[in-house]
Amino acid sequence: MNQPLAYVHPQANIAKNVVIEPFVNIEKNVIIGEGTWIGSSVTIMEGARIGKNCRIFPGAVIAAVPQDLKYAGEDSIVKIGDNTTIREFVTVNRGTKALMETVIGNNCLIMAYAHIAHDCIVGNNCILANSVALAGHISVEDYAIIGGLSAVHQFVTIGQHTMISGGSLVRKDVPPFTKAAREPVSYVGINSVGMRRRGFSNEKINEIQDIYRIIFLSGYNVSRAVEIVETTMHPTVERDEILSFISRSTRGIMKGYSKSRE
């Protein structure tokens, strides 16, 4: 749709049925897929790769250069998957030479005023609530939900099917299938409601809960708890994902919750 009050660079690659509202600015080296709607006053800068059937609401800025003093003008990009919604005044920065890209997957909802910094990888079906701030180099795995006003430290990994309470300061990795809350962010249970909604059986949910009882509530240190899980519980996809997540964590995982933290 040609909008006379919008600016679209002649070298931008825009699908024919994209809707562009007034006062949009789209720079060169931008690709936007079919069925996407670009709301008024959105700025889409060089290096944006936006999928099909996305909705980008007024005031959002996509693919601005990284807020990183080490950035030296490298030709990096932002990739946004299909069916993803970007709400008002969200900012998504391009990658640096570390990854050369910042990625948001398919079917995500990024609520108003959220910030996704350089070299972040956000998986599919994720929700970032209002004013969530992701520092650089963060990985958010599929189906993760981060509550509003939360801030996530650089290089943190947030596991799949997790739920993080609003207002959290996330400084450590959050293992898959868990809920995280309190200060400092700690284990407060498994995300059983989310998993049921996504088709996990009661048997599978109970298995995951048993694993985390050993890891977070038994009083063992992490290495000893992992050893017990490995030797006493049968291998499953979920068990192995939890153990793999912990083994590859570079920042360390969040702590278990105890009454002494109150």
C-alpha atoms as a PDB file:
ATOM      1  CA  MET A   1       0.000   0.000   0.000  1.00  0.00           C
ATOM      2  CA  ASN A   2       1.546   3.304  -1.073  1.00  0.00           C
ATOM      3  CA  GLN A   3       1.126   5.924   1.647  1.00  0.00           C
ATOM      4  CA  PRO A   4       2.004   9.448   0.467  1.00  0.00           C
ATOM      5  CA  LEU A   5       2.712  10.623   4.024  1.00  0.00           C
ATOM      6  CA  ALA A   6       5.248   7.824   4.657  1.00  0.00           C
ATOM      7  CA  TYR A   7       8.824   7.596   3.412  1.00  0.00           C
ATOM      8  CA  VAL A   8       9.905   4.249   1.947  1.00  0.00           C
ATOM      9  CA  HIS A   9      13.411   4.061   0.509  1.00  0.00           C
ATOM     10  CA  PRO A  10      13.347   2.856  -3.109  1.00  0.00           C
ATOM     11  CA  GLN A  11      15.812   0.080  -2.219  1.00  0.00           C
ATOM     12  CA  ALA A  12      13.565  -1.345   0.523  1.00  0.00           C
ATOM     13  CA  ASN A  13      11.972  -4.688  -0.369  1.00  0.00           C
ATOM     14  CA  ILE A  14       8.326  -4.429   0.705  1.00  0.00           C
ATOM     15  CA  ALA A  15       5.735  -7.098  -0.156  1.00  0.00           C
ATOM     16  CA  LYS A  16       2.808  -5.742  -2.190  1.00  0.00           C
ATOM     17  CA  ASN A  17       0.140  -6.214   0.467  1.00  0.00           C
ATOM     18  CA  VAL A  18       2.031  -4.635   3.372  1.00  0.00           C
ATOM     19  CA  VAL A  19       0.032  -1.809   4.972  1.00  0.00           C
ATOM     20  CA  ILE A  20       2.096   1.280   5.797  1.00  0.00           C
ATOM     21  CA  GLU A  21       0.384   4.012   7.811  1.00  0.00           C
ATOM     22  CA  PRO A  22       1.241   7.750   7.686  1.00  0.00           C
ATOM     23  CA  PHE A  23       4.559   9.128   8.929  1.00  0.00           C
ATOM     24  CA  VAL A  24       6.388   5.801   8.765  1.00  0.00           C
ATOM     25  CA  ASN A  25      10.083   5.936   7.844  1.00  0.00           C
ATOM     26  CA  ILE A  26      11.594   2.853   6.159  1.00  0.00           C
ATOM     27  CA  GLU A  27      15.260   2.954   5.175  1.00  0.00           C
ATOM     28  CA  LYS A  28      17.186   0.986   2.539  1.00  0.00           C
ATOM     29  CA  ASN A  29      18.225  -2.658   3.012  1.00  0.00           C
ATOM     30  CA  VAL A  30      14.908  -3.518   4.673  1.00  0.00           C
ATOM     31  CA  ILE A  31      12.742  -6.552   3.894  1.00  0.00           C
ATOM     32  CA  ILE A  32       9.105  -6.770   5.031  1.00  0.00           C
ATOM     33  CA  GLY A  33       6.972  -9.854   4.354  1.00  0.00           C
ATOM     34  CA  GLU A  34       3.417 -10.248   3.164  1.00  0.00           C
ATOM     35  CA  GLY A  35       0.468  -9.218   5.301  1.00  0.00           C
ATOM     36  CA  THR A  36       2.445  -7.108   7.753  1.00  0.00           C
ATOM     37  CA  TRP A  37       0.990  -3.887   9.142  1.00  0.00           C
ATOM     38  CA  ILE A  38       3.260  -0.953  10.008  1.00  0.00           C
ATOM     39  CA  GLY A  39       1.579   1.589  12.294  1.00  0.00           C
ATOM     40  CA  SER A  40       1.924   5.336  12.177  1.00  0.00           C
ATOM     41  CA  SER A  41       5.292   6.911  13.115  1.00  0.00           C
ATOM     42  CA  VAL A  42       7.215   3.623  13.118  1.00  0.00           C
ATOM     43  CA  THR A  43      10.899   3.853  12.153  1.00  0.00           C
ATOM     44  CA  ILE A  44      12.421   0.822  10.430  1.00  0.00           C
ATOM     45  CA  MET A  45      16.127   1.303   9.895  1.00  0.00           C
ATOM     46  CA  GLU A  46      18.679  -0.347   7.650  1.00  0.00           C
ATOM     47  CA  GLY A  47      19.141  -4.061   8.274  1.00  0.00           C
ATOM     48  CA  ALA A  48      15.587  -4.971   9.334  1.00  0.00           C
ATOM     49  CA  ARG A  49      14.203  -8.333   8.195  1.00  0.00           C
ATOM     50  CA  ILE A  50      10.521  -8.536   9.135  1.00  0.00           C
ATOM     51  CA  GLY A  51       8.415 -11.618   8.450  1.00  0.00           C
ATOM     52  CA  LYS A  52       4.861 -12.195   7.306  1.00  0.00           C
ATOM     53  CA  ASN A  53       1.687 -11.071   9.089  1.00  0.00           C
ATOM     54  CA  CYS A  54       3.477  -9.036  11.734  1.00  0.00           C
ATOM     55  CA  ARG A  55       1.978  -5.986  13.440  1.00  0.00           C
ATOM     56  CA  ILE A  56       4.235  -3.115  14.445  1.00  0.00           C
ATOM     57  CA  PHE A  57       2.495  -0.424  16.475  1.00  0.00           C
ATOM     58  CA  PRO A  58       3.096   3.346  16.483  1.00  0.00           C
ATOM     59  CA  GLY A  59       6.399   4.699  17.738  1.00  0.00           C
ATOM     60  CA  ALA A  60       8.428   1.480  17.507  1.00  0.00           C
ATOM     61  CA  VAL A  61      12.017   1.714  16.278  1.00  0.00           C
ATOM     62  CA  ILE A  62      13.387  -1.423  14.610  1.00  0.00           C
ATOM     63  CA  ALA A  63      17.057  -2.037  13.702  1.00  0.00           C
ATOM     64  CA  ALA A  64      18.651   1.063  15.179  1.00  0.00           C
ATOM     65  CA  VAL A  65      22.414   0.763  15.641  1.00  0.00           C
ATOM     66  CA  PRO A  66      23.480  -0.940  18.886  1.00  0.00           C
ATOM     67  CA  GLN A  67      23.909   1.045  22.070  1.00  0.00           C
ATOM     68  CA  ASP A  68      27.391  -0.419  22.395  1.00  0.00           C
ATOM     69  CA  LEU A  69      30.605   1.601  22.274  1.00  0.00           C
ATOM     70  CA  LYS A  70      32.376  -1.348  20.623  1.00  0.00           C
ATOM     71  CA  TYR A  71      30.071  -1.201  17.609  1.00  0.00           C
ATOM     72  CA  ALA A  72      32.170  -0.189  14.613  1.00  0.00           C
ATOM     73  CA  GLY A  73      29.556   0.092  11.891  1.00  0.00           C
ATOM     74  CA  GLU A  74      29.497  -3.591  10.907  1.00  0.00           C
ATOM     75  CA  ASP A  75      26.719  -4.634   8.520  1.00  0.00           C
ATOM     76  CA  SER A  76      24.442  -6.359  11.035  1.00  0.00           C
ATOM     77  CA  ILE A  77      20.707  -7.030  11.018  1.00  0.00           C
ATOM     78  CA  VAL A  78      17.513  -7.537  13.019  1.00  0.00           C
ATOM     79  CA  LYS A  79      15.335 -10.544  12.138  1.00  0.00           C
ATOM     80  CA  ILE A  80      11.687 -10.725  13.217  1.00  0.00           C
ATOM     81  CA  GLY A  81       9.735 -13.887  12.462  1.00  0.00           C
ATOM     82  CA  ASP A  82       6.189 -14.369  11.192  1.00  0.00           C
ATOM     83  CA  ASN A  83       3.029 -13.442  13.131  1.00  0.00           C
ATOM     84  CA  THR A  84       4.888 -11.406  15.729  1.00  0.00           C
ATOM     85  CA  THR A  85       3.395  -8.300  17.336  1.00  0.00           C
ATOM     86  CA  ILE A  86       5.580  -5.348  18.333  1.00  0.00           C
ATOM     87  CA  ARG A  87       3.639  -2.861  20.450  1.00  0.00           C
ATOM     88  CA  GLU A  88       4.054   0.889  20.951  1.00  0.00           C
ATOM     89  CA  PHE A  89       7.542   2.381  21.371  1.00  0.00           C
ATOM     90  CA  VAL A  90       9.404  -0.926  21.436  1.00  0.00           C
ATOM     91  CA  THR A  91      13.078  -0.619  20.456  1.00  0.00           C
ATOM     92  CA  VAL A  92      15.036  -3.462  18.856  1.00  0.00           C
ATOM     93  CA  ASN A  93      18.732  -2.875  18.103  1.00  0.00           C
ATOM     94  CA  ARG A  94      20.867  -4.542  15.433  1.00  0.00           C
ATOM     95  CA  GLY A  95      23.580  -7.057  16.275  1.00  0.00           C
ATOM     96  CA  THR A  96      27.300  -6.421  16.624  1.00  0.00           C
ATOM     97  CA  LYS A  97      30.258  -8.423  15.370  1.00  0.00           C
ATOM     98  CA  ALA A  98      29.557 -10.926  18.176  1.00  0.00           C
ATOM     99  CA  LEU A  99      26.567 -12.467  16.330  1.00  0.00           C
ATOM    100  CA  MET A 100      25.875  -9.936  13.554  1.00  0.00           C
ATOM    101  CA  GLU A 101      22.162 -10.201  14.280  1.00  0.00           C
ATOM    102  CA  THR A 102      19.416  -9.693  16.823  1.00  0.00           C
ATOM    103  CA  VAL A 103      16.557 -12.179  16.434  1.00  0.00           C
ATOM    104  CA  ILE A 104      12.904 -12.340  17.499  1.00  0.00           C
ATOM    105  CA  GLY A 105      11.112 -15.554  16.539  1.00  0.00           C
ATOM    106  CA  ASN A 106       7.632 -16.399  15.286  1.00  0.00           C
ATOM    107  CA  ASN A 107       4.370 -15.734  17.148  1.00  0.00           C
ATOM    108  CA  CYS A 108       5.908 -13.463  19.781  1.00  0.00           C
ATOM    109  CA  LEU A 109       4.260 -10.594  21.633  1.00  0.00           C
ATOM    110  CA  ILE A 110       6.587  -7.747  22.592  1.00  0.00           C
ATOM    111  CA  MET A 111       4.558  -5.284  24.661  1.00  0.00           C
ATOM    112  CA  ALA A 112       4.876  -1.513  24.840  1.00  0.00           C
ATOM    113  CA  TYR A 113       8.178   0.161  25.737  1.00  0.00           C
ATOM    114  CA  ALA A 114      10.177  -3.089  25.816  1.00  0.00           C
ATOM    115  CA  HIS A 115      13.814  -2.899  24.740  1.00  0.00           C
ATOM    116  CA  ILE A 116      15.720  -5.720  23.034  1.00  0.00           C
ATOM    117  CA  ALA A 117      19.416  -4.926  22.795  1.00  0.00           C
ATOM    118  CA  HIS A 118      22.088  -6.066  20.373  1.00  0.00           C
ATOM    119  CA  ASP A 119      22.779  -9.765  19.802  1.00  0.00           C
ATOM    120  CA  CYS A 120      19.734 -10.984  21.719  1.00  0.00           C
ATOM    121  CA  ILE A 121      18.023 -14.156  20.515  1.00  0.00           C
ATOM    122  CA  VAL A 122      14.332 -14.411  21.421  1.00  0.00           C
ATOM    123  CA  GLY A 123      12.721 -17.727  20.496  1.00  0.00           C
ATOM    124  CA  ASN A 124       9.238 -18.556  19.228  1.00  0.00           C
ATOM    125  CA  ASN A 125       5.982 -17.932  21.118  1.00  0.00           C
ATOM    126  CA  CYS A 126       7.607 -15.670  23.705  1.00  0.00           C
ATOM    127  CA  ILE A 127       5.948 -12.807  25.588  1.00  0.00           C
ATOM    128  CA  LEU A 128       7.840  -9.782  26.881  1.00  0.00           C
ATOM    129  CA  ALA A 129       5.461  -7.641  28.907  1.00  0.00           C
ATOM    130  CA  ASN A 130       5.485  -3.847  29.157  1.00  0.00           C
ATOM    131  CA  SER A 131       8.864  -2.168  29.721  1.00  0.00           C
ATOM    132  CA  VAL A 132      10.927  -5.350  29.858  1.00  0.00           C
ATOM    133  CA  ALA A 133      14.577  -4.486  29.211  1.00  0.00           C
ATOM    134  CA  LEU A 134      16.950  -7.054  27.716  1.00  0.00           C
ATOM    135  CA  ALA A 135      20.625  -6.135  27.793  1.00  0.00           C
ATOM    136  CA  GLY A 136      22.954  -7.421  25.078  1.00  0.00           C
ATOM    137  CA  HIS A 137      23.705 -11.058  24.287  1.00  0.00           C
ATOM    138  CA  ILE A 138      20.644 -12.516  26.036  1.00  0.00           C
ATOM    139  CA  SER A 139      18.972 -15.748  24.948  1.00  0.00           C
ATOM    140  CA  VAL A 140      15.245 -16.220  25.605  1.00  0.00           C
ATOM    141  CA  GLU A 141      14.077 -19.699  24.669  1.00  0.00           C
ATOM    142  CA  ASP A 142      10.690 -20.749  23.249  1.00  0.00           C
ATOM    143  CA  TYR A 143       7.483 -20.054  25.213  1.00  0.00           C
ATOM    144  CA  ALA A 144       9.224 -17.947  27.865  1.00  0.00           C
ATOM    145  CA  ILE A 145       7.186 -15.168  29.500  1.00  0.00           C
ATOM    146  CA  ILE A 146       8.875 -12.207  31.181  1.00  0.00           C
ATOM    147  CA  GLY A 147       6.737  -9.992  33.427  1.00  0.00           C
ATOM    148  CA  GLY A 148       6.532  -6.237  33.039  1.00  0.00           C
ATOM    149  CA  LEU A 149       9.282  -3.888  34.232  1.00  0.00           C
ATOM    150  CA  SER A 150      11.797  -6.740  34.478  1.00  0.00           C
ATOM    151  CA  ALA A 151      15.446  -6.106  33.640  1.00  0.00           C
ATOM    152  CA  VAL A 152      17.705  -8.904  32.406  1.00  0.00           C
ATOM    153  CA  HIS A 153      21.500  -8.789  32.757  1.00  0.00           C
ATOM    154  CA  GLN A 154      23.671  -9.253  29.665  1.00  0.00           C
ATOM    155  CA  PHE A 155      24.609 -12.833  28.694  1.00  0.00           C
ATOM    156  CA  VAL A 156      21.758 -14.346  30.731  1.00  0.00           C
ATOM    157  CA  THR A 157      19.833 -17.305  29.285  1.00  0.00           C
ATOM    158  CA  ILE A 158      16.132 -17.763  30.061  1.00  0.00           C
ATOM    159  CA  GLY A 159      14.965 -21.319  29.454  1.00  0.00           C
ATOM    160  CA  GLN A 160      11.969 -22.576  27.544  1.00  0.00           C
ATOM    161  CA  HIS A 161       8.494 -22.559  29.145  1.00  0.00           C
ATOM    162  CA  THR A 162       9.608 -20.273  31.981  1.00  0.00           C
ATOM    163  CA  MET A 163       7.595 -17.577  33.736  1.00  0.00           C
ATOM    164  CA  ILE A 164       9.384 -14.617  35.338  1.00  0.00           C
ATOM    165  CA  SER A 165       7.549 -12.372  37.774  1.00  0.00           C
ATOM    166  CA  GLY A 166       7.024  -8.722  36.936  1.00  0.00           C
ATOM    167  CA  GLY A 167       9.603  -6.293  38.287  1.00  0.00           C
ATOM    168  CA  SER A 168      12.340  -8.917  38.463  1.00  0.00           C
ATOM    169  CA  LEU A 169      16.064  -8.220  38.224  1.00  0.00           C
ATOM    170  CA  VAL A 170      17.389 -11.283  36.408  1.00  0.00           C
ATOM    171  CA  ARG A 171      21.127 -11.683  36.958  1.00  0.00           C
ATOM    172  CA  LYS A 172      21.422 -15.469  36.672  1.00  0.00           C
ATOM    173  CA  ASP A 173      20.233 -18.058  34.161  1.00  0.00           C
ATOM    174  CA  VAL A 174      16.653 -19.292  34.620  1.00  0.00           C
ATOM    175  CA  PRO A 175      16.353 -23.045  33.864  1.00  0.00           C
ATOM    176  CA  PRO A 176      13.539 -24.363  31.648  1.00  0.00           C
ATOM    177  CA  PHE A 177      10.013 -25.065  32.916  1.00  0.00           C
ATOM    178  CA  THR A 178      10.446 -22.957  36.071  1.00  0.00           C
ATOM    179  CA  LYS A 179       8.850 -19.907  37.664  1.00  0.00           C
ATOM    180  CA  ALA A 180      11.144 -17.189  38.988  1.00  0.00           C
ATOM    181  CA  ALA A 181      10.322 -14.411  41.441  1.00  0.00           C
ATOM    182  CA  ARG A 182      11.485 -12.532  44.570  1.00  0.00           C
ATOM    183  CA  GLU A 183      14.722 -10.608  45.073  1.00  0.00           C
ATOM    184  CA  PRO A 184      17.206 -11.922  44.277  1.00  0.00           C
ATOM    185  CA  VAL A 185      15.372 -13.907  41.614  1.00  0.00           C
ATOM    186  CA  SER A 186      14.829 -17.430  42.908  1.00  0.00           C
ATOM    187  CA  TYR A 187      13.031 -20.664  42.080  1.00  0.00           C
ATOM    188  CA  VAL A 188       9.388 -20.546  43.193  1.00  0.00           C
ATOM    189  CA  GLY A 189       8.069 -23.663  41.450  1.00  0.00           C
ATOM    190  CA  ILE A 190       7.522 -25.019  37.986  1.00  0.00           C
ATOM    191  CA  ASN A 191       5.360 -23.389  35.333  1.00  0.00           C
ATOM    192  CA  SER A 192       2.704 -26.099  35.526  1.00  0.00           C
ATOM    193  CA  VAL A 193      -0.134 -23.872  34.272  1.00  0.00           C
ATOM    194  CA  GLY A 194       1.809 -22.887  31.155  1.00  0.00           C
ATOM    195  CA  MET A 195       2.883 -26.447  30.480  1.00  0.00           C
ATOM    196  CA  ARG A 196      -0.674 -27.785  30.783  1.00  0.00           C
ATOM    197  CA  ARG A 197      -1.847 -25.176  28.304  1.00  0.00           C
ATOM    198  CA  ARG A 198       0.793 -26.444  25.885  1.00  0.00           C
ATOM    199  CA  GLY A 199      -0.167 -30.102  26.213  1.00  0.00           C
ATOM    200  CA  PHE A 200       2.241 -31.459  28.825  1.00  0.00           C
ATOM    201  CA  SER A 201       0.776 -34.476  30.630  1.00  0.00           C
ATOM    202  CA  ASN A 202       0.412 -34.618  34.415  1.00  0.00           C
ATOM    203  CA  GLU A 203       3.003 -37.401  34.434  1.00  0.00           C
ATOM    204  CA  LYS A 204       5.513 -35.197  32.611  1.00  0.00           C
ATOM    205  CA  ILE A 205       4.807 -32.221  34.865  1.00  0.00           C
ATOM    206  CA  ASN A 206       5.317 -34.389  37.957  1.00  0.00           C
ATOM    207  CA  GLU A 207       8.619 -35.651  36.537  1.00  0.00           C
ATOM    208  CA  ILE A 208       9.870 -32.089  36.011  1.00  0.00           C
ATOM    209  CA  GLN A 209       8.750 -31.128  39.514  1.00  0.00           C
ATOM    210  CA  ASP A 210      10.645 -34.086  41.006  1.00  0.00           C
ATOM    211  CA  ILE A 211      13.819 -33.006  39.190  1.00  0.00           C
ATOM    212  CA  TYR A 212      13.611 -29.477  40.520  1.00  0.00           C
ATOM    213  CA  ARG A 213      12.871 -30.628  44.053  1.00  0.00           C
ATOM    214  CA  ILE A 214      16.283 -32.286  43.972  1.00  0.00           C
ATOM    215  CA  ILE A 215      18.029 -29.328  42.341  1.00  0.00           C
ATOM    216  CA  PHE A 216      16.470 -26.465  44.284  1.00  0.00           C
ATOM    217  CA  LEU A 217      14.833 -27.760  47.465  1.00  0.00           C
ATOM    218  CA  SER A 218      16.988 -30.660  48.684  1.00  0.00           C
ATOM    219  CA  GLY A 219      19.799 -28.604  50.170  1.00  0.00           C
ATOM    220  CA  TYR A 220      22.442 -30.048  47.844  1.00  0.00           C
ATOM    221  CA  ASN A 221      24.776 -27.819  45.869  1.00  0.00           C
ATOM    222  CA  VAL A 222      24.071 -27.731  42.131  1.00  0.00           C
ATOM    223  CA  SER A 223      26.794 -30.173  41.079  1.00  0.00           C
ATOM    224  CA  ARG A 224      25.703 -32.771  43.642  1.00  0.00           C
ATOM    225  CA  ALA A 225      22.026 -32.305  42.777  1.00  0.00           C
ATOM    226  CA  VAL A 226      22.771 -32.784  39.074  1.00  0.00           C
ATOM    227  CA  GLU A 227      24.672 -35.972  39.893  1.00  0.00           C
ATOM    228  CA  ILE A 228      21.694 -37.327  41.841  1.00  0.00           C
ATOM    229  CA  VAL A 229      19.272 -36.497  39.024  1.00  0.00           C
ATOM    230  CA  GLU A 230      21.540 -38.210  36.497  1.00  0.00           C
ATOM    231  CA  THR A 231      21.863 -41.390  38.559  1.00  0.00           C
ATOM    232  CA  THR A 232      18.344 -41.747  39.988  1.00  0.00           C
ATOM    233  CA  MET A 233      16.006 -40.522  37.247  1.00  0.00           C
ATOM    234  CA  HIS A 234      15.433 -42.179  33.893  1.00  0.00           C
ATOM    235  CA  PRO A 235      16.593 -40.222  30.815  1.00  0.00           C
ATOM    236  CA  THR A 236      13.825 -38.253  29.115  1.00  0.00           C
ATOM    237  CA  VAL A 237      13.804 -35.298  26.758  1.00  0.00           C
ATOM    238  CA  GLU A 238      12.875 -32.934  29.596  1.00  0.00           C
ATOM    239  CA  ARG A 239      15.380 -34.348  32.083  1.00  0.00           C
ATOM    240  CA  ASP A 240      18.162 -34.112  29.531  1.00  0.00           C
ATOM    241  CA  GLU A 241      17.170 -30.554  28.559  1.00  0.00           C
ATOM    242  CA  ILE A 242      17.324 -29.444  32.198  1.00  0.00           C
ATOM    243  CA  LEU A 243      20.715 -31.065  32.759  1.00  0.00           C
ATOM    244  CA  SER A 244      22.076 -29.720  29.482  1.00  0.00           C
ATOM    245  CA  PHE A 245      20.884 -26.201  30.337  1.00  0.00           C
ATOM    246  CA  ILE A 246      22.646 -26.301  33.701  1.00  0.00           C
ATOM    247  CA  SER A 247      25.861 -27.744  32.250  1.00  0.00           C
ATOM    248  CA  ARG A 248      26.168 -25.027  29.598  1.00  0.00           C
ATOM    249  CA  SER A 249      25.280 -22.143  31.928  1.00  0.00           C
ATOM    250  CA  THR A 250      28.103 -19.618  32.074  1.00  0.00           C
ATOM    251  CA  ARG A 251      26.567 -17.227  34.607  1.00  0.00           C
ATOM    252  CA  GLY A 252      25.228 -19.923  36.929  1.00  0.00           C
ATOM    253  CA  ILE A 253      21.573 -20.646  37.588  1.00  0.00           C
ATOM    254  CA  MET A 254      19.238 -18.844  39.954  1.00  0.00           C
ATOM    255  CA  LYS A 255      19.075 -20.017  43.550  1.00  0.00           C
ATOM    256  CA  GLY A 256      16.438 -22.147  45.188  1.00  0.00           C
ATOM    257  CA  TYR A 257      14.004 -20.372  47.463  1.00  0.00           C
ATOM    258  CA  SER A 258      14.182 -20.796  51.224  1.00  0.00           C
ATOM    259  CA  LYS A 259      12.548 -19.056  54.176  1.00  0.00           C
ATOM    260  CA  SER A 260      15.944 -17.622  55.115  1.00  0.00           C
ATOM    261  CA  ARG A 261      15.653 -15.360  52.048  1.00  0.00           C
ATOM    262  CA  GLU A 262      12.625 -13.536  53.464  1.00  0.00           C
END
